[in-house]
Protein backbone atom coordinates (compact mmCIF):
# COMPACT_ATOMS: atom_id res chain seq x y z
CA MET A 1 200.61 58.20 -103.20
CA SER A 2 197.14 59.25 -102.09
CA LEU A 3 197.12 61.29 -98.86
CA ILE A 4 193.36 61.16 -98.25
CA LYS A 5 192.23 57.93 -96.59
CA THR A 6 189.15 56.71 -94.80
CA LEU A 7 189.39 56.81 -91.00
CA PRO A 8 189.00 53.56 -89.14
CA PRO A 9 185.53 53.07 -87.56
CA GLU A 10 186.92 53.25 -84.00
CA VAL A 11 188.44 56.64 -84.70
CA VAL A 12 185.21 57.94 -86.28
CA ASN A 13 183.22 56.73 -83.32
CA LEU A 14 185.57 58.34 -80.85
CA ILE A 15 185.49 61.65 -82.67
CA ALA A 16 181.61 61.67 -82.76
CA ALA A 17 181.47 60.61 -79.14
CA GLY A 18 183.64 63.53 -78.18
CA GLU A 19 181.16 65.91 -79.72
CA VAL A 20 178.25 64.61 -77.66
CA ILE A 21 180.03 63.66 -74.38
CA ASP A 22 182.61 66.22 -73.40
CA SER A 23 182.22 66.40 -69.62
CA LEU A 24 180.51 65.03 -66.52
CA ALA A 25 177.70 67.57 -67.09
CA ALA A 26 177.14 66.13 -70.59
CA VAL A 27 176.67 62.61 -69.18
CA VAL A 28 174.14 63.88 -66.69
CA ARG A 29 172.37 65.91 -69.35
CA GLU A 30 171.91 62.95 -71.74
CA LEU A 31 170.84 60.52 -69.07
CA ILE A 32 168.32 62.93 -67.54
CA GLU A 33 166.82 63.61 -70.91
CA ASN A 34 166.44 59.85 -71.52
CA ALA A 35 164.66 59.55 -68.12
CA LEU A 36 162.33 62.41 -68.93
CA ASP A 37 161.52 60.92 -72.34
CA ALA A 38 160.69 57.68 -70.53
CA GLN A 39 158.10 59.70 -68.46
CA ALA A 40 160.01 59.45 -65.17
CA THR A 41 158.69 61.54 -62.26
CA ARG A 42 161.58 60.68 -59.87
CA ILE A 43 165.22 60.87 -60.81
CA THR A 44 168.19 60.12 -58.56
CA ILE A 45 171.70 61.02 -59.74
CA ALA A 46 174.72 59.64 -57.94
CA LEU A 47 178.10 61.27 -58.67
CA PHE A 48 181.50 59.96 -57.83
CA PRO A 49 183.66 62.53 -59.62
CA GLU A 50 187.01 61.30 -58.20
CA ILE A 51 186.55 57.85 -59.86
CA TRP A 52 184.64 59.33 -62.91
CA ARG A 53 181.42 57.48 -62.29
CA VAL A 54 177.81 58.65 -62.76
CA THR A 55 174.63 56.65 -61.99
CA VAL A 56 171.17 57.84 -62.93
CA THR A 57 168.10 56.02 -61.62
CA ASP A 58 164.62 56.80 -62.76
CA ASN A 59 161.05 55.41 -62.39
CA GLY A 60 160.19 55.76 -66.10
CA GLN A 61 158.81 53.20 -68.51
CA GLY A 62 161.99 51.16 -68.60
CA MET A 63 163.12 48.91 -71.42
CA ALA A 64 162.35 45.38 -72.51
CA LEU A 65 165.24 42.94 -73.07
CA SER A 66 164.97 43.33 -76.88
CA ASP A 67 165.39 47.12 -76.59
CA LEU A 68 168.21 46.75 -74.06
CA ARG A 69 170.15 44.64 -76.54
CA ASN A 70 169.96 47.45 -79.15
CA CYS A 71 169.83 50.69 -77.29
CA ALA A 72 173.60 51.37 -77.20
CA LYS A 73 174.20 50.56 -80.85
CA PRO A 74 174.98 53.57 -83.09
CA HIS A 75 172.01 55.58 -84.29
CA THR A 76 169.38 53.53 -82.61
CA THR A 77 166.43 55.33 -81.17
CA SER A 78 162.70 54.99 -80.42
CA LYS A 79 162.14 58.71 -80.90
CA ILE A 80 162.13 59.02 -84.71
CA LYS A 81 161.86 56.64 -87.64
CA HIS A 82 161.78 58.73 -90.83
CA LEU A 83 163.16 61.92 -92.29
CA ASP A 84 159.90 63.73 -91.81
CA ASP A 85 160.07 63.06 -88.05
CA LEU A 86 162.91 65.63 -87.79
CA GLY A 87 160.28 68.31 -88.33
CA LYS A 88 158.04 67.09 -85.49
CA ILE A 89 160.32 66.26 -82.65
CA THR A 90 158.53 66.21 -79.25
CA SER A 91 161.18 64.30 -77.27
CA LEU A 92 164.37 65.67 -75.65
CA GLY A 93 166.47 63.02 -77.32
CA PHE A 94 166.13 61.87 -80.93
CA ARG A 95 169.53 61.13 -82.54
CA GLY A 96 170.31 57.81 -81.04
CA GLU A 97 173.87 58.91 -80.21
CA ALA A 98 174.06 59.31 -76.47
CA LEU A 99 174.32 55.78 -75.16
CA HIS A 100 176.57 54.66 -78.03
CA SER A 101 178.82 57.66 -77.40
CA LEU A 102 179.05 56.66 -73.77
CA THR A 103 180.34 53.21 -74.76
CA GLN A 104 183.11 54.89 -76.69
CA VAL A 105 184.36 57.04 -73.80
CA ALA A 106 183.37 54.99 -70.72
CA ASP A 107 182.11 51.70 -69.36
CA LEU A 108 178.36 51.51 -69.70
CA SER A 109 175.88 49.25 -67.91
CA ILE A 110 172.10 49.40 -67.72
CA SER A 111 169.59 47.72 -65.39
CA SER A 112 166.02 48.15 -66.52
CA ARG A 113 162.52 46.67 -66.11
CA CYS A 114 159.72 47.53 -68.57
CA ALA A 115 156.71 48.98 -66.79
CA THR A 116 154.27 47.57 -69.33
CA GLU A 117 155.30 43.91 -69.09
CA ASP A 118 153.64 41.56 -66.65
CA ASN A 119 156.73 39.81 -65.29
CA ASN A 120 158.48 41.10 -62.09
CA MET A 121 161.91 40.65 -63.59
CA GLY A 122 164.32 43.14 -65.06
CA TRP A 123 167.63 42.77 -66.81
CA PHE A 124 171.24 43.90 -66.30
CA LEU A 125 173.42 44.40 -69.39
CA HIS A 126 177.03 45.47 -69.73
CA TYR A 127 178.13 46.86 -73.12
CA ASN A 128 181.33 46.77 -75.04
CA ALA A 129 182.88 49.69 -77.07
CA GLN A 130 180.69 48.85 -80.09
CA GLY A 131 177.55 49.18 -78.01
CA GLU A 132 176.81 45.48 -78.08
CA PRO A 133 175.85 43.57 -74.92
CA GLN A 134 178.94 41.92 -73.41
CA SER A 135 176.99 40.23 -70.66
CA GLN A 136 173.42 40.04 -69.40
CA LYS A 137 171.57 38.61 -66.46
CA PRO A 138 168.12 38.79 -64.90
CA ILE A 139 167.68 40.96 -61.79
CA SER A 140 164.97 42.01 -59.43
CA ILE A 141 164.20 45.69 -59.92
CA ALA A 142 161.37 48.13 -59.77
CA PRO A 143 159.95 49.47 -63.17
CA GLY A 144 162.42 52.07 -64.51
CA SER A 145 166.14 52.15 -65.33
CA ILE A 146 169.48 52.41 -63.61
CA ILE A 147 172.25 53.55 -65.90
CA THR A 148 175.82 53.54 -64.73
CA VAL A 149 178.65 55.27 -66.57
CA ASP A 150 182.11 54.29 -65.16
CA ASN A 151 185.70 55.19 -65.87
CA LEU A 152 184.59 58.18 -67.96
CA PHE A 153 187.30 59.26 -70.48
CA GLY A 154 189.51 56.41 -69.29
CA LYS A 155 189.95 55.57 -72.96
CA MET A 156 190.81 59.25 -73.67
CA PRO A 157 193.40 60.27 -71.00
CA VAL A 158 194.32 63.51 -72.82
CA ARG A 159 190.62 64.57 -72.75
CA ARG A 160 190.34 63.74 -69.04
CA GLN A 161 193.52 65.79 -68.27
CA GLY A 162 192.21 68.74 -70.25
CA LEU A 163 188.94 69.01 -68.38
CA PRO A 164 188.36 71.70 -65.69
CA ASN A 165 188.82 70.75 -62.06
CA ILE A 166 186.19 68.77 -60.23
CA SER A 167 184.63 71.89 -58.70
CA SER A 168 184.01 73.50 -62.06
CA GLN A 169 182.63 70.31 -63.51
CA LEU A 170 180.22 69.93 -60.60
CA LYS A 171 179.08 73.54 -61.20
CA GLY A 172 178.25 72.42 -64.78
CA VAL A 173 176.28 69.50 -63.47
CA GLN A 174 174.38 71.78 -61.05
CA THR A 175 173.41 74.02 -63.96
CA ILE A 176 172.11 71.07 -66.01
CA ILE A 177 169.96 69.97 -63.05
CA GLU A 178 168.68 73.45 -62.35
CA ASN A 179 167.71 73.91 -65.98
CA MET A 180 165.93 70.60 -65.98
CA ALA A 181 164.00 71.34 -62.83
CA LEU A 182 162.81 74.80 -64.17
CA CYS A 183 161.56 73.18 -67.41
CA HIS A 184 160.00 70.15 -65.64
CA PRO A 185 158.78 71.30 -62.20
CA ASN A 186 156.78 68.13 -61.62
CA ILE A 187 159.93 66.04 -61.28
CA THR A 188 161.32 64.90 -57.89
CA CYS A 189 165.09 65.07 -58.16
CA LYS A 190 167.77 63.91 -55.72
CA VAL A 191 171.51 64.33 -56.33
CA LEU A 192 174.15 62.51 -54.33
CA GLN A 193 177.88 63.27 -54.35
CA ASN A 194 180.00 60.42 -52.98
CA GLU A 195 176.81 59.03 -51.34
CA ARG A 196 175.97 62.25 -49.51
CA ILE A 197 172.92 64.34 -50.46
CA TRP A 198 174.00 67.37 -52.51
CA LEU A 199 170.71 68.58 -53.99
CA ASN A 200 167.22 67.50 -53.10
CA LEU A 201 164.49 69.15 -55.17
CA SER A 202 160.81 68.71 -54.43
CA PRO A 203 158.23 68.89 -57.25
CA GLY A 204 155.85 71.82 -57.77
CA LYS A 205 153.08 72.93 -60.07
CA THR A 206 155.14 75.66 -61.77
CA ALA A 207 158.71 76.93 -61.91
CA GLN A 208 157.72 79.43 -59.19
CA HIS A 209 157.84 76.54 -56.68
CA ILE A 210 161.29 75.40 -57.94
CA LEU A 211 163.31 78.58 -58.17
CA PRO A 212 163.26 79.31 -54.36
CA GLN A 213 164.84 75.85 -53.88
CA LEU A 214 167.63 76.80 -56.25
CA LEU A 215 168.29 80.36 -55.07
CA LYS A 216 167.94 80.37 -51.33
CA ARG A 217 167.69 84.11 -50.98
CA ILE A 218 164.63 84.25 -53.22
CA HIS A 219 161.27 83.52 -51.77
CA PHE A 220 158.03 82.41 -53.45
CA ASN A 221 156.49 85.85 -52.90
CA ASP A 222 159.36 87.52 -54.67
CA LEU A 223 158.37 85.93 -57.92
CA GLN A 224 155.52 86.37 -60.43
CA PHE A 225 154.31 83.48 -62.62
CA VAL A 226 152.21 84.16 -65.76
CA GLU A 227 151.19 81.87 -68.60
CA GLN A 228 149.12 82.59 -71.72
CA GLU A 229 148.16 80.94 -74.95
CA VAL A 230 149.59 82.22 -78.22
CA GLU A 231 147.01 83.34 -80.82
CA ASN A 232 147.20 81.79 -84.26
CA PHE A 233 149.66 79.14 -82.96
CA PRO A 234 147.67 76.02 -81.90
CA ASN A 235 148.92 74.26 -78.81
CA SER A 236 151.43 76.95 -78.14
CA LYS A 237 151.84 78.98 -74.97
CA ILE A 238 154.37 81.05 -73.03
CA GLU A 239 155.20 80.62 -69.36
CA LEU A 240 156.93 83.50 -67.60
CA LEU A 241 158.61 83.41 -64.19
CA LEU A 242 160.02 86.78 -63.25
CA GLY A 243 161.57 88.16 -60.12
CA LEU A 244 159.77 91.35 -59.07
CA PRO A 245 162.35 94.05 -59.70
CA ASP A 246 161.74 95.73 -56.31
CA ARG A 247 162.47 92.47 -54.50
CA CYS A 248 165.22 90.54 -56.35
CA HIS A 249 167.88 91.02 -58.96
CA ARG A 250 171.38 89.70 -59.74
CA GLY A 251 174.88 91.06 -60.28
CA LYS A 252 175.15 89.26 -63.60
CA ALA A 253 172.74 87.93 -66.19
CA ASP A 254 173.09 84.31 -65.05
CA TRP A 255 169.36 83.87 -64.30
CA VAL A 256 168.06 85.20 -67.57
CA LYS A 257 167.03 81.88 -69.11
CA VAL A 258 164.99 80.81 -72.15
CA GLY A 259 163.46 77.30 -72.40
CA ILE A 260 161.84 75.83 -75.44
CA ASN A 261 159.74 72.66 -75.30
CA GLY A 262 161.36 71.38 -72.11
CA ARG A 263 164.97 72.32 -72.67
CA ILE A 264 166.96 75.47 -71.79
CA VAL A 265 168.51 76.93 -74.98
CA ARG A 266 170.88 79.70 -75.81
CA SER A 267 169.28 82.54 -77.74
CA LEU A 268 171.10 85.87 -77.59
CA VAL A 269 168.18 87.53 -79.35
CA LEU A 270 165.49 86.34 -76.93
CA GLU A 271 167.75 86.90 -73.90
CA GLN A 272 168.41 90.50 -75.07
CA THR A 273 164.67 90.88 -75.51
CA ILE A 274 164.19 90.05 -71.83
CA LEU A 275 166.91 92.42 -70.71
CA THR A 276 165.34 95.29 -72.81
CA ALA A 277 161.94 94.56 -71.27
CA PHE A 278 163.45 95.16 -67.84
CA SER A 279 165.23 98.38 -68.90
CA ARG A 280 165.11 101.11 -66.26
CA THR A 281 163.49 98.86 -63.69
CA LEU A 282 166.58 97.75 -61.82
CA PRO A 283 169.52 99.49 -60.08
CA LYS A 284 172.58 100.22 -62.11
CA ASP A 285 174.64 97.16 -63.10
CA ARG A 286 171.92 94.77 -61.86
CA PHE A 287 170.14 92.12 -63.94
CA PRO A 288 166.73 90.52 -63.69
CA VAL A 289 165.72 87.06 -62.54
CA CYS A 290 163.63 85.82 -65.40
CA PHE A 291 162.72 82.45 -66.95
CA ILE A 292 160.77 82.30 -70.20
CA HIS A 293 159.44 78.89 -71.31
CA LEU A 294 158.04 78.65 -74.82
CA GLN A 295 155.92 75.62 -75.63
CA ILE A 296 155.80 75.68 -79.49
CA CYS A 297 154.64 73.45 -82.29
CA PRO A 298 157.68 71.27 -83.21
CA SER A 299 157.41 72.27 -86.81
CA GLN A 300 158.58 75.81 -85.78
CA ILE A 301 161.90 74.53 -84.42
CA ASP A 302 165.03 72.97 -85.91
CA TRP A 303 166.90 71.19 -83.14
CA ASN A 304 169.44 69.60 -85.40
CA ARG A 305 172.04 72.41 -85.13
CA HIS A 306 174.23 71.67 -82.11
CA PRO A 307 175.33 68.33 -80.59
CA ALA A 308 174.07 69.42 -77.09
CA LYS A 309 170.82 70.81 -78.69
CA VAL A 310 171.28 74.14 -76.88
CA GLU A 311 171.31 76.17 -80.10
CA ILE A 312 168.38 76.08 -82.45
CA TYR A 313 166.71 77.66 -85.43
CA LEU A 314 163.38 79.18 -84.47
CA ASN A 315 160.81 80.28 -87.05
CA SER A 316 158.97 83.63 -86.58
CA LEU A 317 161.64 84.95 -84.29
CA ASP A 318 160.27 88.49 -84.40
CA LEU A 319 156.87 87.25 -83.23
CA TRP A 320 158.31 85.52 -80.23
CA GLN A 321 160.25 88.65 -79.33
CA ASP A 322 157.02 90.62 -79.29
CA LYS A 323 155.23 87.98 -77.29
CA ILE A 324 158.00 87.86 -74.67
CA SER A 325 157.96 91.65 -74.33
CA GLN A 326 154.16 91.58 -73.92
CA ILE A 327 154.05 88.88 -71.27
CA ILE A 328 156.78 90.52 -69.22
CA GLU A 329 154.75 93.74 -69.26
CA LYS A 330 151.74 91.78 -68.20
CA GLY A 331 153.71 90.25 -65.34
CA LEU A 332 154.81 93.59 -63.99
CA ILE A 333 151.43 95.39 -63.75
CA LEU A 334 149.56 95.83 -60.50
CA SER A 335 146.66 93.54 -61.04
CA PRO A 336 144.90 91.62 -58.19
CA HIS A 337 145.98 88.38 -59.86
CA ASN A 338 149.63 89.37 -59.59
CA LEU A 339 149.30 90.55 -55.98
CA SER A 340 147.25 87.75 -54.48
CA VAL A 341 149.01 87.83 -51.07
CA MET A 342 146.19 85.97 -49.33
CA ALA A 343 147.17 82.86 -51.29
CA GLN A 344 150.75 83.19 -50.12
CA ASN A 345 149.89 82.55 -46.51
CA GLU A 346 147.59 79.56 -46.43
CA ARG A 347 147.21 79.35 -42.66
CA VAL A 348 146.10 82.91 -42.20
CA SER A 349 143.86 82.66 -45.22
CA LYS A 350 142.10 79.65 -43.79
CA LEU A 351 141.68 81.33 -40.37
CA LEU A 352 140.25 84.51 -41.83
CA LYS A 353 137.90 82.62 -44.13
CA VAL A 354 136.52 80.65 -41.18
CA SER A 355 136.01 83.90 -39.22
CA GLU A 356 134.28 85.57 -42.15
CA ALA A 357 131.95 82.61 -42.52
CA LYS A 358 131.00 82.96 -38.81
CA GLY A 359 130.16 86.63 -39.42
CA ASN A 360 132.63 88.02 -36.85
CA TYR A 361 135.40 89.21 -39.15
CA GLN A 362 135.08 90.62 -42.62
CA VAL A 363 137.69 89.83 -45.23
CA ASN A 364 137.39 91.13 -48.81
CA SER A 365 138.99 89.68 -51.90
CA GLN A 366 141.25 91.89 -53.96
CA VAL A 367 139.18 94.48 -55.90
CA SER A 368 140.14 95.72 -59.33
CA ASP A 369 139.15 98.82 -61.22
CA GLU A 370 137.75 99.13 -64.68
CA SER A 371 141.19 98.50 -66.28
CA GLY A 372 141.70 95.30 -64.33
CA LEU A 373 144.34 96.91 -62.05
CA ILE A 374 144.19 96.84 -58.24
CA GLU A 375 141.92 99.56 -56.86
CA LEU A 376 143.81 101.98 -54.61
CA LYS A 377 142.27 104.83 -52.58
CA ALA A 378 144.53 107.57 -51.33
CA VAL A 379 143.61 108.32 -47.71
CA GLY A 380 146.56 110.43 -46.43
CA GLN A 381 150.15 111.53 -46.52
CA VAL A 382 152.97 110.79 -44.11
CA ASN A 383 155.73 113.42 -43.66
CA HIS A 384 154.74 115.00 -46.89
CA THR A 385 156.64 112.18 -48.57
CA TYR A 386 154.61 108.95 -48.53
CA ILE A 387 151.08 108.57 -49.87
CA VAL A 388 148.97 106.19 -47.83
CA ALA A 389 146.75 104.18 -50.22
CA GLU A 390 144.11 101.77 -49.01
CA HIS A 391 142.85 98.69 -50.86
CA SER A 392 140.59 95.83 -50.07
CA ASN A 393 143.33 93.70 -48.41
CA GLY A 394 145.46 96.30 -46.59
CA LEU A 395 147.36 99.44 -47.40
CA TRP A 396 150.40 100.66 -49.24
CA LEU A 397 152.95 103.40 -48.57
CA ILE A 398 153.92 105.02 -51.90
CA GLU A 399 156.87 107.37 -52.12
CA GLN A 400 155.41 110.31 -54.10
CA HIS A 401 158.66 111.53 -55.70
CA ILE A 402 159.68 108.28 -57.36
CA ALA A 403 156.10 107.25 -58.22
CA HIS A 404 155.76 110.54 -60.12
CA GLU A 405 159.23 110.01 -61.64
CA ARG A 406 158.03 106.69 -63.02
CA VAL A 407 154.96 108.33 -64.53
CA LEU A 408 156.93 111.16 -66.12
CA TYR A 409 159.62 108.86 -67.47
CA GLU A 410 157.15 106.55 -69.25
CA ASN A 411 155.36 109.64 -70.61
CA LEU A 412 158.60 110.91 -71.95
CA GLN A 413 159.40 107.47 -73.49
CA ASP A 414 156.08 107.44 -75.23
CA LYS A 415 156.08 111.04 -76.44
CA TRP A 416 159.41 112.95 -76.46
CA GLU A 417 158.17 116.50 -76.98
CA LEU A 418 160.39 119.52 -77.72
CA GLU A 419 159.13 123.09 -77.54
CA GLN A 420 160.33 126.22 -79.34
CA ILE A 421 161.15 128.97 -76.87
CA LYS A 422 160.86 132.72 -77.64
CA THR A 423 164.06 133.69 -75.81
CA PRO A 424 166.98 131.28 -76.37
CA ILE A 425 168.81 129.97 -73.29
CA ILE A 426 172.50 130.83 -73.41
CA LEU A 427 175.01 128.20 -72.25
CA THR A 428 178.68 129.09 -71.99
CA LYS A 429 181.93 127.22 -72.35
CA LEU A 430 180.38 124.03 -73.68
CA SER A 431 182.82 121.36 -74.89
CA SER A 432 182.31 119.83 -78.33
CA GLU A 433 181.13 116.66 -76.57
CA GLN A 434 178.44 118.57 -74.71
CA VAL A 435 177.19 120.26 -77.86
CA GLU A 436 177.05 116.91 -79.61
CA GLN A 437 175.15 115.44 -76.73
CA LEU A 438 172.48 118.15 -76.83
CA GLU A 439 172.10 117.68 -80.57
CA LYS A 440 171.81 113.90 -80.09
CA ILE A 441 168.74 114.26 -77.87
CA GLY A 442 167.16 116.48 -80.49
CA LEU A 443 167.68 120.04 -79.21
CA GLU A 444 168.28 122.97 -81.62
CA ILE A 445 171.54 124.59 -80.71
CA ASP A 446 173.59 127.33 -82.42
CA ARG A 447 176.81 129.10 -81.74
CA PHE A 448 176.16 132.49 -80.09
CA GLY A 449 179.48 134.34 -79.88
CA GLU A 450 182.90 132.97 -79.16
CA GLN A 451 182.20 130.71 -76.14
CA ASN A 452 178.36 130.93 -75.99
CA TRP A 453 175.64 128.62 -77.38
CA ALA A 454 172.00 129.42 -77.86
CA ILE A 455 169.47 126.64 -77.13
CA ARG A 456 166.29 127.34 -79.14
CA THR A 457 164.26 124.19 -78.40
CA VAL A 458 163.93 122.46 -75.04
CA PRO A 459 162.00 119.46 -73.69
CA LYS A 460 158.41 120.54 -73.03
CA LEU A 461 158.70 119.63 -69.23
CA LEU A 462 161.51 122.12 -68.89
CA ALA A 463 160.06 125.01 -70.90
CA LYS A 464 158.52 126.89 -67.98
CA ARG A 465 160.88 125.84 -65.21
CA GLU A 466 163.19 128.31 -63.59
CA ASP A 467 165.99 125.77 -63.45
CA CYS A 468 165.82 125.13 -67.23
CA GLN A 469 169.38 126.34 -67.80
CA ALA A 470 170.79 124.06 -65.01
CA ALA A 471 168.76 121.13 -66.36
CA LEU A 472 170.19 121.64 -69.85
CA LEU A 473 173.70 121.65 -68.49
CA GLU A 474 172.98 118.38 -66.72
CA LEU A 475 171.54 116.87 -69.95
CA SER A 476 174.70 117.88 -71.87
CA LEU A 477 176.97 115.74 -69.62
CA GLY A 478 176.43 112.49 -71.43
CA GLY A 479 174.26 109.46 -71.97
CA ASP A 480 171.69 108.48 -74.57
CA LEU A 481 168.13 109.76 -74.97
CA GLN A 482 166.87 107.34 -72.33
CA THR A 483 169.38 108.67 -69.81
CA ALA A 484 168.26 112.20 -70.58
CA GLN A 485 164.60 111.17 -70.11
CA VAL A 486 165.46 109.67 -66.71
CA ALA A 487 167.27 112.81 -65.62
CA LEU A 488 164.43 115.01 -66.83
CA ALA A 489 161.80 112.90 -65.10
CA CYS A 490 163.73 112.93 -61.83
CA ARG A 491 164.25 116.70 -61.96
CA SER A 492 160.52 117.39 -62.81
CA ALA A 493 158.91 114.94 -60.31
CA ILE A 494 157.09 116.14 -57.24
CA ARG A 495 159.60 116.63 -54.47
CA ASN A 496 159.43 114.79 -51.21
CA GLY A 497 158.42 117.27 -48.56
CA THR A 498 155.63 118.72 -50.83
CA GLU A 499 152.21 118.79 -49.24
CA MET A 500 149.46 117.29 -51.42
CA ASN A 501 145.68 117.27 -51.01
CA LEU A 502 143.70 114.07 -51.42
CA SER A 503 142.65 114.83 -55.00
CA ALA A 504 146.27 115.32 -56.14
CA MET A 505 147.37 112.15 -54.30
CA GLN A 506 144.58 110.15 -55.94
CA ASP A 507 145.50 111.50 -59.37
CA LEU A 508 149.14 110.47 -58.91
CA VAL A 509 148.27 107.02 -57.53
CA ASN A 510 145.94 106.41 -60.57
CA LYS A 511 148.63 107.48 -63.05
CA TRP A 512 151.34 105.50 -61.34
CA LYS A 513 149.49 102.19 -61.08
CA ASN A 514 148.87 102.41 -64.80
CA THR A 515 152.50 102.57 -65.72
CA ARG A 516 154.17 99.59 -67.43
CA ASN A 517 156.77 99.01 -64.72
CA PRO A 518 155.16 100.27 -61.46
CA HIS A 519 157.37 98.31 -59.03
CA THR A 520 160.47 100.50 -59.30
CA CYS A 521 161.56 103.98 -60.48
CA PRO A 522 163.86 104.34 -63.52
CA HIS A 523 166.88 104.12 -61.16
CA GLY A 524 165.62 100.79 -59.72
CA ARG A 525 164.38 101.94 -56.30
CA PRO A 526 161.21 100.30 -54.96
CA ILE A 527 158.21 102.61 -55.13
CA TYR A 528 155.82 101.10 -52.64
CA LEU A 529 155.78 99.18 -49.36
CA SER A 530 152.90 96.72 -49.00
CA LEU A 531 151.17 96.14 -45.68
CA GLU A 532 148.65 93.42 -46.42
CA GLU A 533 145.78 92.33 -44.18
CA SER A 534 147.20 88.88 -43.71
CA SER A 535 150.51 90.33 -42.50
CA LEU A 536 148.76 92.78 -40.18
CA ALA A 537 146.66 89.99 -38.76
CA LEU A 538 149.88 87.97 -38.12
CA PHE A 539 151.67 90.91 -36.48
CA PHE A 540 148.79 91.80 -34.17
CA ARG A 541 148.09 88.12 -33.54
CA ARG A 542 144.46 88.44 -34.53
CA HIS A 543 144.61 84.98 -36.15
CA ARG A 544 145.20 83.44 -32.70
CA VAL A 545 142.02 84.98 -31.35
CA ILE A 546 140.08 84.07 -34.46
CA GLY A 547 141.44 80.54 -34.37
CA LYS A 548 140.57 80.04 -30.70
CA SER A 549 137.12 81.52 -31.02
CA HIS A 550 136.30 79.21 -33.94
CA GLY A 551 137.85 76.02 -32.53
CA ILE A 552 140.88 75.99 -34.88
């Protein structure tokens, strides 16, 4: 007797549906993607988790009656038509599985009106488990669609019982919506839970306008947005949204996100590239806030790897790693574009511009030096600790020790130099682990007697220091080469309390502002405090006088 038999169609459909629709979040994901593909700009999501119902309303193109009759049948889609289309996918959905899968695991009904048809009438259809219309009737509706999924997993009670609790599922829904909003900042999105507003996201030009709505402790000014075209890749660009490391960071890597062509994806390689780019800019055990959005030619991507389309094959992965590292470095430099504080306070900006036009109050735009970085002029020192640096829109207080530490650390990264010394330095009672550590960072070390060790090469920064022996003992206590470089930079940097003349201060400021990560020291401490002209005008209430004198 044959043991291998063909499964009944209803079993096959249920198995396939379980791969696509496995939670409330999956329902929301699929319906949002359909709305975005229909060019919707407003999406409303109504959740009734206790009764397993989801309704998604959009103002997209809608569907004609003929499309409504076919849209829930298996493998029906308007996104692709031929095999070759799999290599040029520009839509979020393309498999034609989502709506049919919903008919397998829930009750599905759709109300829709096609925006391109002249009549003012839409249609309501309810579908059976085969995805065929069970009933239909004309209705009065605005252009767009209303899709209702009811009694989710009612046909699969074991699946429903095995799902996480409602709170966990809603967290999954929230993540889906947050990811959608970052990738599509122009969308207005409202989420209701049991008819009460849960999320209400306003649209913006970029993800920089969206993230502060999602993370309430992060403000617009804490973020930096950069975008650039990608050479040799037509119609490709990278968008970067990063939290400035001296202003915001997280206790876990939950806001290190990668988006590709409008969808957040999982890419351990690209996520690790982001984390590496922020190395030694954040405090210990803290992680960056960073969103990278790659807009790439569809031929470079294979989406057909995972039912939820969150895992992909990406061609030229090494190239994209390099591009991501470069744009993060670009986003961290101290350029006037990155530090345009005047644009962050529109009211003060307008007041000062009016005053400037009247000739009574001079306001300069940010000035850059020859390298394109903000121009800073050292004008003094406070408590032999802080350098006061003036620029065209205010002044900064720069802590001299950690600014110098950042300079030295990056120099050591770029050129780790060891120097042969005439008289070896003797260290006693080193453990085998300490000896191994000194060898690991490149030092030449030999046994010199029973419990003594002779160090014959030392880092160049230490060669002429009186505390070289103590520094070597510190370096022997563990960590990789990077840790050793941080310790060496910290020990060798100018101490707070050291008096500096203007020339030395200016030299340090110039070197510091040219570093790759000038916002924080290698331990993650902020290096400078900004006092911008707009903030000073607000504090001293000069804008009120300006406004009154100019009729504002």
